[in-house]
N, C-alpha and C. Protein backbone atom coordinates (compact mmCIF):
# COMPACT_ATOMS: atom_id res chain seq x y z
N MET A 1 -1.91 16.30 5.94
CA MET A 1 -2.57 17.58 5.82
C MET A 1 -1.65 18.61 5.15
N VAL A 2 -0.38 18.56 5.52
CA VAL A 2 0.58 19.49 4.93
C VAL A 2 0.72 19.24 3.43
N ALA A 3 0.76 17.97 3.04
CA ALA A 3 0.87 17.64 1.61
C ALA A 3 -0.34 18.13 0.84
N ILE A 4 -1.51 18.02 1.42
CA ILE A 4 -2.72 18.48 0.75
C ILE A 4 -2.68 19.99 0.56
N LEU A 5 -2.33 20.71 1.62
CA LEU A 5 -2.26 22.17 1.52
C LEU A 5 -1.18 22.62 0.54
N LEU A 6 -0.03 21.94 0.57
CA LEU A 6 1.04 22.27 -0.36
C LEU A 6 0.60 22.00 -1.80
N GLY A 7 -0.03 20.87 -2.02
CA GLY A 7 -0.52 20.54 -3.36
C GLY A 7 -1.56 21.52 -3.85
N LEU A 8 -2.47 21.92 -2.97
CA LEU A 8 -3.50 22.89 -3.37
C LEU A 8 -2.92 24.26 -3.69
N SER A 9 -1.96 24.70 -2.88
CA SER A 9 -1.36 26.01 -3.15
C SER A 9 -0.56 25.99 -4.44
N MET A 10 0.17 24.91 -4.68
CA MET A 10 0.93 24.79 -5.93
C MET A 10 -0.03 24.68 -7.11
N ALA A 11 -1.13 23.96 -6.95
CA ALA A 11 -2.11 23.81 -8.02
C ALA A 11 -2.75 25.14 -8.37
N ALA A 12 -3.06 25.94 -7.37
CA ALA A 12 -3.67 27.25 -7.62
C ALA A 12 -2.72 28.15 -8.41
N ALA A 13 -1.47 28.13 -8.02
CA ALA A 13 -0.49 28.97 -8.71
C ALA A 13 -0.27 28.53 -10.15
N ILE A 14 -0.15 27.25 -10.36
CA ILE A 14 0.14 26.75 -11.71
C ILE A 14 -1.11 26.77 -12.60
N ALA A 15 -2.30 26.69 -12.00
CA ALA A 15 -3.53 26.73 -12.80
C ALA A 15 -3.70 28.08 -13.47
N VAL A 16 -3.30 29.14 -12.78
CA VAL A 16 -3.40 30.48 -13.37
C VAL A 16 -2.53 30.56 -14.62
N ILE A 17 -1.33 30.03 -14.53
CA ILE A 17 -0.44 30.03 -15.69
C ILE A 17 -1.01 29.12 -16.78
N GLY A 18 -1.55 27.97 -16.38
CA GLY A 18 -2.12 27.03 -17.35
C GLY A 18 -3.27 27.60 -18.13
N VAL A 19 -4.11 28.42 -17.49
CA VAL A 19 -5.24 29.04 -18.19
C VAL A 19 -4.74 29.96 -19.29
N PHE A 20 -3.74 30.76 -18.99
CA PHE A 20 -3.22 31.70 -19.98
C PHE A 20 -2.42 31.02 -21.09
N ARG A 21 -1.72 29.96 -20.75
CA ARG A 21 -0.84 29.32 -21.73
C ARG A 21 -1.53 28.24 -22.55
N GLY A 22 -2.52 27.53 -21.96
CA GLY A 22 -3.08 26.39 -22.67
C GLY A 22 -4.59 26.28 -22.64
N GLY A 23 -5.25 27.06 -21.82
CA GLY A 23 -6.70 26.98 -21.74
C GLY A 23 -7.17 26.30 -20.47
N ARG A 24 -8.48 26.26 -20.33
CA ARG A 24 -9.09 25.74 -19.11
C ARG A 24 -8.81 24.26 -18.90
N ASP A 25 -8.91 23.46 -19.96
CA ASP A 25 -8.68 22.02 -19.82
C ASP A 25 -7.25 21.70 -19.38
N ILE A 26 -6.30 22.40 -19.95
CA ILE A 26 -4.90 22.20 -19.56
C ILE A 26 -4.69 22.60 -18.12
N ALA A 27 -5.31 23.70 -17.70
CA ALA A 27 -5.18 24.15 -16.32
C ALA A 27 -5.75 23.12 -15.34
N ILE A 28 -6.86 22.50 -15.72
CA ILE A 28 -7.46 21.46 -14.86
C ILE A 28 -6.53 20.26 -14.75
N VAL A 29 -5.98 19.83 -15.87
CA VAL A 29 -5.06 18.68 -15.87
C VAL A 29 -3.85 18.97 -14.99
N ILE A 30 -3.27 20.13 -15.15
CA ILE A 30 -2.07 20.47 -14.39
C ILE A 30 -2.39 20.60 -12.90
N ALA A 31 -3.48 21.26 -12.57
CA ALA A 31 -3.83 21.46 -11.16
C ALA A 31 -4.14 20.13 -10.47
N LEU A 32 -4.96 19.29 -11.10
CA LEU A 32 -5.26 17.99 -10.51
C LEU A 32 -4.00 17.13 -10.36
N SER A 33 -3.19 17.16 -11.38
CA SER A 33 -1.95 16.38 -11.34
C SER A 33 -1.05 16.85 -10.21
N MET A 34 -0.95 18.16 -10.03
CA MET A 34 -0.09 18.70 -9.00
C MET A 34 -0.53 18.24 -7.61
N VAL A 35 -1.82 18.31 -7.35
CA VAL A 35 -2.33 17.90 -6.04
C VAL A 35 -2.07 16.42 -5.80
N VAL A 36 -2.41 15.59 -6.76
CA VAL A 36 -2.26 14.14 -6.59
C VAL A 36 -0.79 13.75 -6.49
N ILE A 37 0.06 14.33 -7.31
CA ILE A 37 1.48 13.99 -7.29
C ILE A 37 2.14 14.38 -5.97
N VAL A 38 1.80 15.55 -5.44
CA VAL A 38 2.38 15.96 -4.16
C VAL A 38 1.93 15.03 -3.04
N ILE A 39 0.68 14.65 -3.03
CA ILE A 39 0.18 13.74 -1.99
C ILE A 39 0.83 12.36 -2.12
N VAL A 40 0.88 11.83 -3.33
CA VAL A 40 1.48 10.51 -3.53
C VAL A 40 2.98 10.54 -3.22
N GLY A 41 3.66 11.59 -3.62
CA GLY A 41 5.09 11.71 -3.30
C GLY A 41 5.35 11.76 -1.81
N SER A 42 4.50 12.45 -1.10
CA SER A 42 4.63 12.50 0.37
C SER A 42 4.38 11.13 0.99
N MET A 43 3.40 10.42 0.46
CA MET A 43 3.11 9.08 0.97
C MET A 43 4.27 8.13 0.69
N ILE A 44 4.87 8.23 -0.48
CA ILE A 44 6.01 7.39 -0.82
C ILE A 44 7.18 7.68 0.12
N GLY A 45 7.46 8.96 0.33
CA GLY A 45 8.55 9.34 1.22
C GLY A 45 8.32 8.90 2.65
N MET A 46 7.07 8.85 3.07
CA MET A 46 6.75 8.44 4.43
C MET A 46 6.75 6.92 4.60
N LEU A 47 6.21 6.21 3.62
CA LEU A 47 6.02 4.77 3.76
C LEU A 47 7.22 3.91 3.36
N LEU A 48 8.06 4.40 2.48
CA LEU A 48 9.17 3.59 1.97
C LEU A 48 10.10 3.09 3.07
N PRO A 49 10.51 3.91 4.05
CA PRO A 49 11.36 3.37 5.12
C PRO A 49 10.67 2.26 5.92
N PHE A 50 9.37 2.39 6.15
CA PHE A 50 8.63 1.35 6.88
C PHE A 50 8.56 0.06 6.07
N ILE A 51 8.35 0.18 4.78
CA ILE A 51 8.29 -1.00 3.91
C ILE A 51 9.65 -1.70 3.89
N LEU A 52 10.72 -0.94 3.78
CA LEU A 52 12.05 -1.55 3.79
C LEU A 52 12.35 -2.22 5.12
N SER A 53 11.93 -1.63 6.22
CA SER A 53 12.12 -2.25 7.54
C SER A 53 11.36 -3.57 7.63
N ARG A 54 10.20 -3.58 7.05
CA ARG A 54 9.37 -4.80 7.08
C ARG A 54 10.07 -5.96 6.36
N PHE A 55 10.82 -5.64 5.31
CA PHE A 55 11.56 -6.66 4.57
C PHE A 55 12.98 -6.84 5.09
N ARG A 56 13.22 -6.35 6.30
CA ARG A 56 14.52 -6.47 6.98
C ARG A 56 15.66 -5.85 6.18
N MET A 57 15.35 -4.74 5.54
CA MET A 57 16.38 -3.98 4.82
C MET A 57 16.63 -2.69 5.60
N ASP A 58 17.76 -2.10 5.35
CA ASP A 58 18.13 -0.87 6.04
C ASP A 58 17.25 0.28 5.55
N PRO A 59 16.47 0.91 6.46
CA PRO A 59 15.60 2.01 6.03
C PRO A 59 16.38 3.23 5.54
N ALA A 60 17.65 3.30 5.89
CA ALA A 60 18.47 4.42 5.42
C ALA A 60 18.68 4.36 3.91
N THR A 61 18.44 3.19 3.32
CA THR A 61 18.58 3.09 1.87
C THR A 61 17.45 3.82 1.15
N ALA A 62 16.41 4.18 1.89
CA ALA A 62 15.32 4.97 1.32
C ALA A 62 15.72 6.44 1.34
N SER A 63 16.86 6.69 0.80
CA SER A 63 17.38 8.05 0.79
C SER A 63 16.70 8.87 -0.29
N THR A 64 17.06 10.10 -0.36
CA THR A 64 16.43 11.04 -1.28
C THR A 64 16.45 10.58 -2.74
N PRO A 65 17.55 10.07 -3.28
CA PRO A 65 17.51 9.66 -4.70
C PRO A 65 16.49 8.55 -4.98
N LEU A 66 16.38 7.59 -4.08
CA LEU A 66 15.42 6.50 -4.29
C LEU A 66 13.99 7.02 -4.22
N VAL A 67 13.70 7.80 -3.21
CA VAL A 67 12.35 8.36 -3.05
C VAL A 67 12.01 9.25 -4.23
N THR A 68 12.94 10.09 -4.63
CA THR A 68 12.71 11.00 -5.75
C THR A 68 12.48 10.24 -7.05
N SER A 69 13.26 9.21 -7.29
CA SER A 69 13.10 8.43 -8.52
C SER A 69 11.74 7.75 -8.57
N ILE A 70 11.34 7.15 -7.48
CA ILE A 70 10.04 6.47 -7.44
C ILE A 70 8.91 7.49 -7.57
N ALA A 71 9.01 8.60 -6.86
CA ALA A 71 7.97 9.63 -6.93
C ALA A 71 7.88 10.25 -8.32
N ASP A 72 9.02 10.46 -8.98
CA ASP A 72 9.01 11.03 -10.33
C ASP A 72 8.37 10.07 -11.33
N ALA A 73 8.73 8.81 -11.26
CA ALA A 73 8.14 7.83 -12.18
C ALA A 73 6.63 7.72 -11.95
N THR A 74 6.23 7.70 -10.70
CA THR A 74 4.81 7.64 -10.37
C THR A 74 4.10 8.92 -10.83
N GLY A 75 4.77 10.05 -10.66
CA GLY A 75 4.19 11.33 -11.06
C GLY A 75 3.91 11.41 -12.55
N VAL A 76 4.81 10.89 -13.36
CA VAL A 76 4.59 10.89 -14.80
C VAL A 76 3.37 10.04 -15.16
N LEU A 77 3.26 8.89 -14.53
CA LEU A 77 2.09 8.03 -14.78
C LEU A 77 0.79 8.70 -14.35
N ILE A 78 0.82 9.37 -13.21
CA ILE A 78 -0.36 10.09 -12.73
C ILE A 78 -0.74 11.20 -13.70
N TYR A 79 0.26 11.98 -14.11
CA TYR A 79 0.00 13.10 -15.03
C TYR A 79 -0.64 12.61 -16.33
N PHE A 80 -0.07 11.59 -16.94
CA PHE A 80 -0.62 11.10 -18.19
C PHE A 80 -2.00 10.47 -18.01
N SER A 81 -2.23 9.82 -16.89
CA SER A 81 -3.56 9.23 -16.62
C SER A 81 -4.62 10.31 -16.47
N ILE A 82 -4.28 11.36 -15.74
CA ILE A 82 -5.25 12.48 -15.57
C ILE A 82 -5.46 13.19 -16.90
N ALA A 83 -4.40 13.41 -17.66
CA ALA A 83 -4.54 14.08 -18.96
C ALA A 83 -5.42 13.25 -19.89
N LYS A 84 -5.22 11.95 -19.89
CA LYS A 84 -6.03 11.08 -20.76
C LYS A 84 -7.51 11.13 -20.35
N ALA A 85 -7.76 11.12 -19.04
CA ALA A 85 -9.14 11.13 -18.57
C ALA A 85 -9.84 12.48 -18.82
N VAL A 86 -9.15 13.57 -18.53
CA VAL A 86 -9.76 14.89 -18.66
C VAL A 86 -9.90 15.30 -20.13
N LEU A 87 -8.90 15.03 -20.91
CA LEU A 87 -8.90 15.46 -22.31
C LEU A 87 -9.57 14.45 -23.24
N SER A 88 -10.07 13.35 -22.68
CA SER A 88 -10.77 12.30 -23.44
C SER A 88 -9.92 11.80 -24.60
N LEU A 89 -8.69 11.45 -24.29
CA LEU A 89 -7.80 10.90 -25.31
C LEU A 89 -8.01 9.41 -25.43
N PRO A 90 -7.78 8.84 -26.61
CA PRO A 90 -7.99 7.39 -26.79
C PRO A 90 -6.94 6.56 -26.08
């Protein structure tokens, strides 16, 4: 719930800037991306220690750099996927 609220508040703030800087379509892409990326990043940070425990690895290895790297890579893929879908790119 916290991730959803955080994503929505960040999306609202950045959508206003997106409308002025790039137009309505850009604002939609950025806002949707922000919400989805925050939720997915929170899920990665929550689930990664459990996944590592399941494979008998030390959950402490799911430290901030690992979580951040995975969340950033996933975030870029999410952003480009949403941009392609909303902007009808080939």
